[in-house]
PDB file of N, CA and C in Angstrom:
ATOM      1  N   ALA A   1     -11.212  20.858 -61.742  1.00  0.00           N
ATOM      2  CA  ALA A   1     -11.817  21.569 -60.888  1.00  0.00           C
ATOM      3  C   ALA A   1     -12.157  22.976 -61.108  1.00  0.00           C
ATOM      4  N   VAL A   2     -13.311  23.575 -60.746  1.00  0.00           N
ATOM      5  CA  VAL A   2     -13.558  24.940 -61.012  1.00  0.00           C
ATOM      6  C   VAL A   2     -13.814  25.451 -59.733  1.00  0.00           C
ATOM      7  N   PHE A   3     -13.165  26.534 -59.188  1.00  0.00           N
ATOM      8  CA  PHE A   3     -13.532  27.296 -58.061  1.00  0.00           C
ATOM      9  C   PHE A   3     -13.951  28.758 -58.545  1.00  0.00           C
ATOM     10  N   ALA A   4     -15.349  29.079 -58.134  1.00  0.00           N
ATOM     11  CA  ALA A   4     -15.904  30.158 -58.577  1.00  0.00           C
ATOM     12  C   ALA A   4     -15.746  31.247 -57.447  1.00  0.00           C
ATOM     13  N   PRO A   5     -15.512  32.458 -57.665  1.00  0.00           N
ATOM     14  CA  PRO A   5     -15.228  33.378 -56.405  1.00  0.00           C
ATOM     15  C   PRO A   5     -16.533  34.047 -55.953  1.00  0.00           C
ATOM     16  N   SER A   6     -17.606  33.457 -56.471  1.00  0.00           N
ATOM     17  CA  SER A   6     -18.765  33.591 -55.930  1.00  0.00           C
ATOM     18  C   SER A   6     -19.843  32.591 -56.259  1.00  0.00           C
ATOM     19  N   ASP A   7     -21.074  32.427 -55.505  1.00  0.00           N
ATOM     20  CA  ASP A   7     -21.977  31.292 -55.917  1.00  0.00           C
ATOM     21  C   ASP A   7     -22.760  31.502 -56.905  1.00  0.00           C
ATOM     22  N   ALA A   8     -23.198  32.840 -57.264  1.00  0.00           N
ATOM     23  CA  ALA A   8     -23.760  33.296 -58.374  1.00  0.00           C
ATOM     24  C   ALA A   8     -22.785  32.996 -59.796  1.00  0.00           C
ATOM     25  N   MET A   9     -21.581  33.262 -59.849  1.00  0.00           N
ATOM     26  CA  MET A   9     -20.981  32.683 -60.515  1.00  0.00           C
ATOM     27  C   MET A   9     -20.890  31.378 -61.027  1.00  0.00           C
ATOM     28  N   ALA A  10     -20.570  30.520 -59.891  1.00  0.00           N
ATOM     29  CA  ALA A  10     -20.655  29.007 -59.909  1.00  0.00           C
ATOM     30  C   ALA A  10     -22.001  28.583 -60.469  1.00  0.00           C
ATOM     31  N   LEU A  11     -23.192  29.209 -60.344  1.00  0.00           N
ATOM     32  CA  LEU A  11     -24.493  28.826 -60.930  1.00  0.00           C
ATOM     33  C   LEU A  11     -24.246  28.736 -62.345  1.00  0.00           C
ATOM     34  N   GLY A  12     -23.568  30.021 -62.841  1.00  0.00           N
ATOM     35  CA  GLY A  12     -23.442  30.289 -64.378  1.00  0.00           C
ATOM     36  C   GLY A  12     -22.445  29.028 -64.860  1.00  0.00           C
ATOM     37  N   VAL A  13     -21.499  28.605 -63.987  1.00  0.00           N
ATOM     38  CA  VAL A  13     -20.685  27.557 -64.792  1.00  0.00           C
ATOM     39  C   VAL A  13     -21.407  26.261 -64.580  1.00  0.00           C
ATOM     40  N   LEU A  14     -22.358  26.110 -63.758  1.00  0.00           N
ATOM     41  CA  LEU A  14     -23.122  24.978 -63.731  1.00  0.00           C
ATOM     42  C   LEU A  14     -24.040  24.686 -64.858  1.00  0.00           C
ATOM     43  N   GLN A  15     -24.719  25.966 -64.957  1.00  0.00           N
ATOM     44  CA  GLN A  15     -25.658  26.162 -66.154  1.00  0.00           C
ATOM     45  C   GLN A  15     -24.880  25.886 -67.591  1.00  0.00           C
ATOM     46  N   ALA A  16     -23.609  26.448 -67.845  1.00  0.00           N
ATOM     47  CA  ALA A  16     -22.918  26.329 -69.049  1.00  0.00           C
ATOM     48  C   ALA A  16     -22.490  24.818 -69.189  1.00  0.00           C
ATOM     49  N   ALA A  17     -21.929  24.259 -67.992  1.00  0.00           N
ATOM     50  CA  ALA A  17     -21.591  22.678 -67.883  1.00  0.00           C
ATOM     51  C   ALA A  17     -22.923  21.882 -68.345  1.00  0.00           C
ATOM     52  N   ASP A  18     -23.897  22.089 -67.933  1.00  0.00           N
ATOM     53  CA  ASP A  18     -25.093  21.504 -68.285  1.00  0.00           C
ATOM     54  C   ASP A  18     -25.454  21.728 -69.708  1.00  0.00           C
ATOM     55  N   GLU A  19     -25.307  22.712 -70.400  1.00  0.00           N
ATOM     56  CA  GLU A  19     -25.396  23.133 -71.982  1.00  0.00           C
ATOM     57  C   GLU A  19     -24.682  22.379 -72.683  1.00  0.00           C
ATOM     58  N   LEU A  20     -23.288  22.133 -72.160  1.00  0.00           N
ATOM     59  CA  LEU A  20     -22.290  21.529 -72.842  1.00  0.00           C
ATOM     60  C   LEU A  20     -22.241  19.995 -72.705  1.00  0.00           C
ATOM     61  N   GLY A  21     -23.022  19.612 -71.840  1.00  0.00           N
ATOM     62  CA  GLY A  21     -23.032  17.951 -71.671  1.00  0.00           C
ATOM     63  C   GLY A  21     -21.951  17.546 -70.595  1.00  0.00           C
ATOM     64  N   LEU A  22     -21.388  18.523 -69.789  1.00  0.00           N
ATOM     65  CA  LEU A  22     -20.344  18.093 -68.941  1.00  0.00           C
ATOM     66  C   LEU A  22     -20.998  17.789 -67.519  1.00  0.00           C
ATOM     67  N   ASP A  23     -20.825  16.607 -67.173  1.00  0.00           N
ATOM     68  CA  ASP A  23     -21.300  16.081 -65.634  1.00  0.00           C
ATOM     69  C   ASP A  23     -20.449  16.696 -64.706  1.00  0.00           C
ATOM     70  N   ILE A  24     -21.262  17.327 -63.807  1.00  0.00           N
ATOM     71  CA  ILE A  24     -20.784  17.752 -62.449  1.00  0.00           C
ATOM     72  C   ILE A  24     -21.448  17.014 -61.395  1.00  0.00           C
ATOM     73  N   PRO A  25     -20.725  16.415 -60.469  1.00  0.00           N
ATOM     74  CA  PRO A  25     -19.373  16.396 -60.295  1.00  0.00           C
ATOM     75  C   PRO A  25     -18.570  15.048 -60.988  1.00  0.00           C
ATOM     76  N   GLY A  26     -19.423  14.481 -62.005  1.00  0.00           N
ATOM     77  CA  GLY A  26     -18.770  13.216 -62.589  1.00  0.00           C
ATOM     78  C   GLY A  26     -17.319  13.600 -63.355  1.00  0.00           C
ATOM     79  N   ARG A  27     -17.473  14.857 -64.160  1.00  0.00           N
ATOM     80  CA  ARG A  27     -16.055  15.109 -64.889  1.00  0.00           C
ATOM     81  C   ARG A  27     -15.505  16.352 -64.298  1.00  0.00           C
ATOM     82  N   ILE A  28     -16.153  17.082 -63.789  1.00  0.00           N
ATOM     83  CA  ILE A  28     -15.760  18.402 -63.209  1.00  0.00           C
ATOM     84  C   ILE A  28     -16.162  18.784 -61.750  1.00  0.00           C
ATOM     85  N   SER A  29     -15.564  18.854 -60.846  1.00  0.00           N
ATOM     86  CA  SER A  29     -15.877  19.434 -59.412  1.00  0.00           C
ATOM     87  C   SER A  29     -15.928  20.862 -59.561  1.00  0.00           C
ATOM     88  N   LEU A  30     -17.058  21.553 -58.808  1.00  0.00           N
ATOM     89  CA  LEU A  30     -17.475  22.789 -58.822  1.00  0.00           C
ATOM     90  C   LEU A  30     -17.629  23.182 -57.532  1.00  0.00           C
ATOM     91  N   LEU A  31     -16.986  24.570 -57.063  1.00  0.00           N
ATOM     92  CA  LEU A  31     -17.089  24.921 -55.665  1.00  0.00           C
ATOM     93  C   LEU A  31     -17.302  26.540 -55.846  1.00  0.00           C
ATOM     94  N   GLY A  32     -18.464  26.991 -54.979  1.00  0.00           N
ATOM     95  CA  GLY A  32     -18.613  28.310 -55.044  1.00  0.00           C
ATOM     96  C   GLY A  32     -18.075  28.814 -53.679  1.00  0.00           C
ATOM     97  N   TYR A  33     -18.393  30.205 -53.743  1.00  0.00           N
ATOM     98  CA  TYR A  33     -18.037  30.986 -52.368  1.00  0.00           C
ATOM     99  C   TYR A  33     -19.220  31.859 -51.842  1.00  0.00           C
ATOM    100  N   ASP A  34     -19.665  31.754 -50.940  1.00  0.00           N
ATOM    101  CA  ASP A  34     -20.688  32.801 -50.217  1.00  0.00           C
ATOM    102  C   ASP A  34     -21.917  31.844 -49.599  1.00  0.00           C
ATOM    103  N   ASP A  35     -22.109  30.903 -49.928  1.00  0.00           N
ATOM    104  CA  ASP A  35     -23.207  29.809 -49.384  1.00  0.00           C
ATOM    105  C   ASP A  35     -24.737  30.766 -49.338  1.00  0.00           C
ATOM    106  N   ILE A  36     -25.074  31.355 -50.568  1.00  0.00           N
ATOM    107  CA  ILE A  36     -26.251  32.029 -50.949  1.00  0.00           C
ATOM    108  C   ILE A  36     -27.417  30.840 -50.944  1.00  0.00           C
ATOM    109  N   GLU A  37     -28.473  31.622 -50.571  1.00  0.00           N
ATOM    110  CA  GLU A  37     -29.753  30.599 -50.170  1.00  0.00           C
ATOM    111  C   GLU A  37     -29.920  29.750 -51.492  1.00  0.00           C
ATOM    112  N   TYR A  38     -29.927  29.951 -52.568  1.00  0.00           N
ATOM    113  CA  TYR A  38     -29.904  29.404 -53.750  1.00  0.00           C
ATOM    114  C   TYR A  38     -29.130  28.104 -53.990  1.00  0.00           C
ATOM    115  N   ALA A  39     -27.762  28.130 -53.436  1.00  0.00           N
ATOM    116  CA  ALA A  39     -27.114  27.071 -53.418  1.00  0.00           C
ATOM    117  C   ALA A  39     -27.557  25.711 -52.826  1.00  0.00           C
ATOM    118  N   SER A  40     -28.520  25.864 -51.908  1.00  0.00           N
ATOM    119  CA  SER A  40     -28.972  24.565 -51.086  1.00  0.00           C
ATOM    120  C   SER A  40     -30.215  24.108 -51.715  1.00  0.00           C
ATOM    121  N   LEU A  41     -30.656  24.545 -53.007  1.00  0.00           N
ATOM    122  CA  LEU A  41     -31.833  24.107 -53.384  1.00  0.00           C
ATOM    123  C   LEU A  41     -31.810  22.785 -54.011  1.00  0.00           C
ATOM    124  N   PRO A  42     -32.784  21.881 -53.858  1.00  0.00           N
ATOM    125  CA  PRO A  42     -32.636  20.589 -54.178  1.00  0.00           C
ATOM    126  C   PRO A  42     -32.001  20.134 -55.686  1.00  0.00           C
ATOM    127  N   LYS A  43     -32.363  20.868 -56.495  1.00  0.00           N
ATOM    128  CA  LYS A  43     -31.875  20.746 -57.955  1.00  0.00           C
ATOM    129  C   LYS A  43     -30.435  21.272 -58.225  1.00  0.00           C
ATOM    130  N   ILE A  44     -29.844  22.117 -57.342  1.00  0.00           N
ATOM    131  CA  ILE A  44     -28.571  22.783 -57.537  1.00  0.00           C
ATOM    132  C   ILE A  44     -27.636  22.032 -56.501  1.00  0.00           C
ATOM    133  N   ARG A  45     -27.856  22.042 -55.160  1.00  0.00           N
ATOM    134  CA  ARG A  45     -26.901  21.419 -54.404  1.00  0.00           C
ATOM    135  C   ARG A  45     -25.400  21.760 -54.325  1.00  0.00           C
ATOM    136  N   LEU A  46     -25.235  23.108 -54.525  1.00  0.00           N
ATOM    137  CA  LEU A  46     -23.999  23.633 -54.711  1.00  0.00           C
ATOM    138  C   LEU A  46     -22.871  23.475 -53.666  1.00  0.00           C
ATOM    139  N   SER A  47     -21.637  22.836 -53.737  1.00  0.00           N
ATOM    140  CA  SER A  47     -20.615  22.918 -52.709  1.00  0.00           C
ATOM    141  C   SER A  47     -20.149  24.288 -52.779  1.00  0.00           C
ATOM    142  N   THR A  48     -19.739  24.863 -51.651  1.00  0.00           N
ATOM    143  CA  THR A  48     -19.447  26.181 -51.453  1.00  0.00           C
ATOM    144  C   THR A  48     -18.792  26.493 -50.312  1.00  0.00           C
ATOM    145  N   LEU A  49     -18.015  27.502 -50.094  1.00  0.00           N
ATOM    146  CA  LEU A  49     -17.462  28.036 -48.770  1.00  0.00           C
ATOM    147  C   LEU A  49     -18.194  29.009 -48.154  1.00  0.00           C
ATOM    148  N   ALA A  50     -18.785  28.793 -47.038  1.00  0.00           N
ATOM    149  CA  ALA A  50     -19.606  29.762 -46.299  1.00  0.00           C
ATOM    150  C   ALA A  50     -18.808  30.651 -45.546  1.00  0.00           C
ATOM    151  N   GLN A  51     -19.175  32.014 -45.791  1.00  0.00           N
ATOM    152  CA  GLN A  51     -18.536  33.052 -45.245  1.00  0.00           C
ATOM    153  C   GLN A  51     -19.008  33.336 -43.908  1.00  0.00           C
ATOM    154  N   PRO A  52     -18.050  33.570 -42.728  1.00  0.00           N
ATOM    155  CA  PRO A  52     -18.418  33.442 -41.540  1.00  0.00           C
ATOM    156  C   PRO A  52     -18.765  35.117 -41.030  1.00  0.00           C
ATOM    157  N   THR A  53     -20.109  35.512 -41.588  1.00  0.00           N
ATOM    158  CA  THR A  53     -20.377  36.693 -41.506  1.00  0.00           C
ATOM    159  C   THR A  53     -20.326  37.408 -40.147  1.00  0.00           C
ATOM    160  N   GLY A  54     -21.046  36.438 -39.155  1.00  0.00           N
ATOM    161  CA  GLY A  54     -20.957  36.893 -37.939  1.00  0.00           C
ATOM    162  C   GLY A  54     -19.440  37.354 -37.325  1.00  0.00           C
ATOM    163  N   ALA A  55     -18.809  36.580 -37.615  1.00  0.00           N
ATOM    164  CA  ALA A  55     -17.235  36.638 -37.010  1.00  0.00           C
ATOM    165  C   ALA A  55     -16.546  37.750 -37.971  1.00  0.00           C
ATOM    166  N   LEU A  56     -17.037  38.011 -39.094  1.00  0.00           N
ATOM    167  CA  LEU A  56     -16.205  39.333 -39.850  1.00  0.00           C
ATOM    168  C   LEU A  56     -16.942  40.670 -39.255  1.00  0.00           C
ATOM    169  N   ALA A  57     -18.259  40.528 -38.993  1.00  0.00           N
ATOM    170  CA  ALA A  57     -18.794  41.586 -38.366  1.00  0.00           C
ATOM    171  C   ALA A  57     -18.183  41.973 -37.096  1.00  0.00           C
ATOM    172  N   GLU A  58     -18.071  41.029 -36.159  1.00  0.00           N
ATOM    173  CA  GLU A  58     -17.637  41.150 -34.844  1.00  0.00           C
ATOM    174  C   GLU A  58     -16.115  41.721 -34.903  1.00  0.00           C
ATOM    175  N   SER A  59     -15.270  41.089 -35.643  1.00  0.00           N
ATOM    176  CA  SER A  59     -14.143  41.494 -35.793  1.00  0.00           C
ATOM    177  C   SER A  59     -13.903  43.042 -36.393  1.00  0.00           C
ATOM    178  N   ALA A  60     -14.872  43.434 -37.405  1.00  0.00           N
ATOM    179  CA  ALA A  60     -14.770  44.853 -37.656  1.00  0.00           C
ATOM    180  C   ALA A  60     -15.214  45.548 -36.720  1.00  0.00           C
ATOM    181  N   VAL A  61     -16.190  45.500 -35.938  1.00  0.00           N
ATOM    182  CA  VAL A  61     -16.672  46.453 -34.689  1.00  0.00           C
ATOM    183  C   VAL A  61     -15.618  46.292 -33.729  1.00  0.00           C
ATOM    184  N   ARG A  62     -15.063  45.295 -33.452  1.00  0.00           N
ATOM    185  CA  ARG A  62     -13.778  45.632 -32.461  1.00  0.00           C
ATOM    186  C   ARG A  62     -12.683  46.121 -33.133  1.00  0.00           C
ATOM    187  N   LEU A  63     -12.509  46.318 -34.221  1.00  0.00           N
ATOM    188  CA  LEU A  63     -11.387  47.025 -34.764  1.00  0.00           C
ATOM    189  C   LEU A  63     -11.613  48.639 -34.868  1.00  0.00           C
ATOM    190  N   LEU A  64     -13.044  48.848 -35.115  1.00  0.00           N
ATOM    191  CA  LEU A  64     -13.285  50.115 -34.961  1.00  0.00           C
ATOM    192  C   LEU A  64     -13.464  50.863 -33.617  1.00  0.00           C
ATOM    193  N   LEU A  65     -13.806  49.862 -32.623  1.00  0.00           N
ATOM    194  CA  LEU A  65     -13.815  50.391 -31.254  1.00  0.00           C
ATOM    195  C   LEU A  65     -12.493  50.657 -30.754  1.00  0.00           C
ATOM    196  N   GLU A  66     -11.612  49.808 -31.042  1.00  0.00           N
ATOM    197  CA  GLU A  66     -10.044  50.012 -30.700  1.00  0.00           C
ATOM    198  C   GLU A  66      -9.613  51.303 -31.347  1.00  0.00           C
ATOM    199  N   LEU A  67     -10.057  51.802 -32.720  1.00  0.00           N
ATOM    200  CA  LEU A  67      -9.400  52.743 -33.326  1.00  0.00           C
ATOM    201  C   LEU A  67     -10.063  53.970 -32.816  1.00  0.00           C
ATOM    202  N   ILE A  68     -11.429  54.004 -32.351  1.00  0.00           N
ATOM    203  CA  ILE A  68     -12.133  54.840 -31.527  1.00  0.00           C
ATOM    204  C   ILE A  68     -11.384  55.486 -30.123  1.00  0.00           C
ATOM    205  N   ASP A  69     -11.144  54.086 -29.469  1.00  0.00           N
ATOM    206  CA  ASP A  69     -10.430  54.443 -27.988  1.00  0.00           C
ATOM    207  C   ASP A  69      -9.233  54.820 -28.087  1.00  0.00           C
ATOM    208  N   SER A  70      -8.339  54.482 -29.184  1.00  0.00           N
ATOM    209  CA  SER A  70      -6.927  54.998 -29.304  1.00  0.00           C
ATOM    210  C   SER A  70      -6.695  56.302 -29.879  1.00  0.00           C
ATOM    211  N   GLY A  71      -7.790  56.832 -30.562  1.00  0.00           N
ATOM    212  CA  GLY A  71      -7.801  58.166 -31.002  1.00  0.00           C
ATOM    213  C   GLY A  71      -7.200  58.256 -32.192  1.00  0.00           C
ATOM    214  N   GLY A  72      -6.759  57.206 -33.053  1.00  0.00           N
ATOM    215  CA  GLY A  72      -6.426  57.365 -34.484  1.00  0.00           C
ATOM    216  C   GLY A  72      -5.884  56.030 -34.712  1.00  0.00           C
ATOM    217  N   PRO A  73      -5.165  55.855 -35.923  1.00  0.00           N
ATOM    218  CA  PRO A  73      -4.549  54.622 -36.485  1.00  0.00           C
ATOM    219  C   PRO A  73      -3.655  53.865 -35.439  1.00  0.00           C
ATOM    220  N   GLY A  74      -3.853  52.588 -35.370  1.00  0.00           N
ATOM    221  CA  GLY A  74      -2.720  51.975 -34.704  1.00  0.00           C
ATOM    222  C   GLY A  74      -1.931  51.361 -35.562  1.00  0.00           C
ATOM    223  N   GLU A  75      -1.470  50.080 -35.438  1.00  0.00           N
ATOM    224  CA  GLU A  75      -0.587  49.297 -35.950  1.00  0.00           C
ATOM    225  C   GLU A  75      -1.574  48.525 -37.023  1.00  0.00           C
ATOM    226  N   VAL A  76      -0.958  47.952 -38.057  1.00  0.00           N
ATOM    227  CA  VAL A  76      -1.755  47.504 -38.972  1.00  0.00           C
ATOM    228  C   VAL A  76      -1.767  45.941 -38.659  1.00  0.00           C
ATOM    229  N   THR A  77      -2.880  45.364 -38.345  1.00  0.00           N
ATOM    230  CA  THR A  77      -2.994  43.908 -37.995  1.00  0.00           C
ATOM    231  C   THR A  77      -3.879  43.238 -38.961  1.00  0.00           C
ATOM    232  N   HIS A  78      -3.481  42.052 -39.072  1.00  0.00           N
ATOM    233  CA  HIS A  78      -3.972  40.949 -40.118  1.00  0.00           C
ATOM    234  C   HIS A  78      -4.759  39.819 -39.242  1.00  0.00           C
ATOM    235  N   LYS A  79      -6.022  39.618 -39.613  1.00  0.00           N
ATOM    236  CA  LYS A  79      -6.764  38.601 -38.975  1.00  0.00           C
ATOM    237  C   LYS A  79      -7.186  37.778 -39.925  1.00  0.00           C
ATOM    238  N   LEU A  80      -7.166  36.495 -39.996  1.00  0.00           N
ATOM    239  CA  LEU A  80      -7.811  35.473 -40.915  1.00  0.00           C
ATOM    240  C   LEU A  80      -8.895  34.748 -40.348  1.00  0.00           C
ATOM    241  N   ILE A  81      -9.754  34.845 -40.786  1.00  0.00           N
ATOM    242  CA  ILE A  81     -11.208  34.283 -40.522  1.00  0.00           C
ATOM    243  C   ILE A  81     -11.524  33.200 -41.465  1.00  0.00           C
ATOM    244  N   ALA A  82     -11.418  31.987 -41.306  1.00  0.00           N
ATOM    245  CA  ALA A  82     -11.524  30.985 -42.297  1.00  0.00           C
ATOM    246  C   ALA A  82     -13.115  30.620 -42.776  1.00  0.00           C
ATOM    247  N   PRO A  83     -13.537  30.441 -43.937  1.00  0.00           N
ATOM    248  CA  PRO A  83     -14.604  30.161 -44.292  1.00  0.00           C
ATOM    249  C   PRO A  83     -14.829  28.781 -43.961  1.00  0.00           C
ATOM    250  N   ARG A  84     -16.063  28.158 -44.070  1.00  0.00           N
ATOM    251  CA  ARG A  84     -16.504  26.940 -43.557  1.00  0.00           C
ATOM    252  C   ARG A  84     -16.872  25.941 -44.980  1.00  0.00           C
ATOM    253  N   LEU A  85     -16.323  25.016 -45.023  1.00  0.00           N
ATOM    254  CA  LEU A  85     -16.579  24.089 -46.356  1.00  0.00           C
ATOM    255  C   LEU A  85     -17.920  23.514 -46.098  1.00  0.00           C
ATOM    256  N   VAL A  86     -19.143  23.875 -46.962  1.00  0.00           N
ATOM    257  CA  VAL A  86     -20.279  23.037 -47.217  1.00  0.00           C
ATOM    258  C   VAL A  86     -20.245  22.267 -48.394  1.00  0.00           C
ATOM    259  N   GLU A  87     -20.132  20.792 -47.974  1.00  0.00           N
ATOM    260  CA  GLU A  87     -20.033  19.873 -48.833  1.00  0.00           C
ATOM    261  C   GLU A  87     -21.603  19.455 -49.539  1.00  0.00           C
ATOM    262  N   ARG A  88     -21.871  19.712 -50.607  1.00  0.00           N
ATOM    263  CA  ARG A  88     -23.133  19.284 -51.134  1.00  0.00           C
ATOM    264  C   ARG A  88     -22.880  18.339 -52.404  1.00  0.00           C
ATOM    265  N   SER A  89     -23.524  18.589 -53.652  1.00  0.00           N
ATOM    266  CA  SER A  89     -23.366  17.515 -54.655  1.00  0.00           C
ATOM    267  C   SER A  89     -22.593  17.906 -55.735  1.00  0.00           C
ATOM    268  N   THR A  90     -21.767  18.976 -55.870  1.00  0.00           N
ATOM    269  CA  THR A  90     -21.058  19.474 -57.039  1.00  0.00           C
ATOM    270  C   THR A  90     -19.614  19.085 -56.794  1.00  0.00           C
ATOM    271  N   CYS A  91     -18.995  18.340 -55.821  1.00  0.00           N
ATOM    272  CA  CYS A  91     -17.777  17.822 -55.673  1.00  0.00           C
ATOM    273  C   CYS A  91     -17.459  16.635 -55.440  1.00  0.00           C
ATOM    274  N   CYS A  92     -16.864  16.108 -56.020  1.00  0.00           N
ATOM    275  CA  CYS A  92     -16.252  14.621 -55.252  1.00  0.00           C
ATOM    276  C   CYS A  92     -14.898  14.308 -55.728  1.00  0.00           C
ATOM    277  N   SER A  93     -14.124  13.281 -54.873  1.00  0.00           N
ATOM    278  CA  SER A  93     -12.846  13.067 -54.931  1.00  0.00           C
ATOM    279  C   SER A  93     -12.468  12.465 -56.441  1.00  0.00           C
ATOM    280  N   PRO A  94     -11.219  12.753 -56.780  1.00  0.00           N
ATOM    281  CA  PRO A  94     -10.742  12.145 -58.131  1.00  0.00           C
ATOM    282  C   PRO A  94     -11.096  10.794 -58.284  1.00  0.00           C
ATOM    283  N   GLN A  95     -10.908   9.949 -57.309  1.00  0.00           N
ATOM    284  CA  GLN A  95     -11.354   8.365 -57.420  1.00  0.00           C
ATOM    285  C   GLN A  95     -12.750   8.205 -57.573  1.00  0.00           C
ATOM    286  N   GLN A  96     -13.762   9.076 -57.351  1.00  0.00           N
ATOM    287  CA  GLN A  96     -15.136   9.007 -57.640  1.00  0.00           C
ATOM    288  C   GLN A  96     -15.235   9.435 -59.040  1.00  0.00           C
ATOM    289  N   ARG A  97     -14.397   9.855 -59.864  1.00  0.00           N
ATOM    290  CA  ARG A  97     -14.859  10.484 -61.152  1.00  0.00           C
ATOM    291  C   ARG A  97     -15.108   9.450 -62.012  1.00  0.00           C
ATOM    292  N   THR A  98     -16.076   9.685 -63.059  1.00  0.00           N
ATOM    293  CA  THR A  98     -16.435   8.562 -64.152  1.00  0.00           C
ATOM    294  C   THR A  98     -15.395   8.634 -65.321  1.00  0.00           C
ATOM    295  N   ALA A  99     -15.310   7.484 -65.844  1.00  0.00           N
ATOM    296  CA  ALA A  99     -14.306   7.302 -67.007  1.00  0.00           C
ATOM    297  C   ALA A  99     -14.736   8.301 -68.242  1.00  0.00           C
ATOM    298  N   VAL A 100     -13.485   8.793 -68.877  1.00  0.00           N
ATOM    299  CA  VAL A 100     -13.884   9.658 -70.061  1.00  0.00           C
ATOM    300  C   VAL A 100     -14.350   8.487 -71.308  1.00  0.00           C
TER     301      VAL A 100
END
């Protein structure tokens, strides 16, 4: 399996695998990150993790407003905003793999 840190990089992996004759997802599962528009094109159908941009923006605005209201830096906070898995055609379970 290959996890690319961006969908753009995953598209490069997809192209390289095609040039090398490696079947995705038959031999290798591929997952990108971002869910860019090209990821859903019919010939690509890239499985990816979608960034929750609305939730990220909302969290950033709340943090900035709290910073402004408090007059300075407060406690360091950590917030996890999980991405959403978008399953398309570049991933499959190991049981579905083609034989070598």
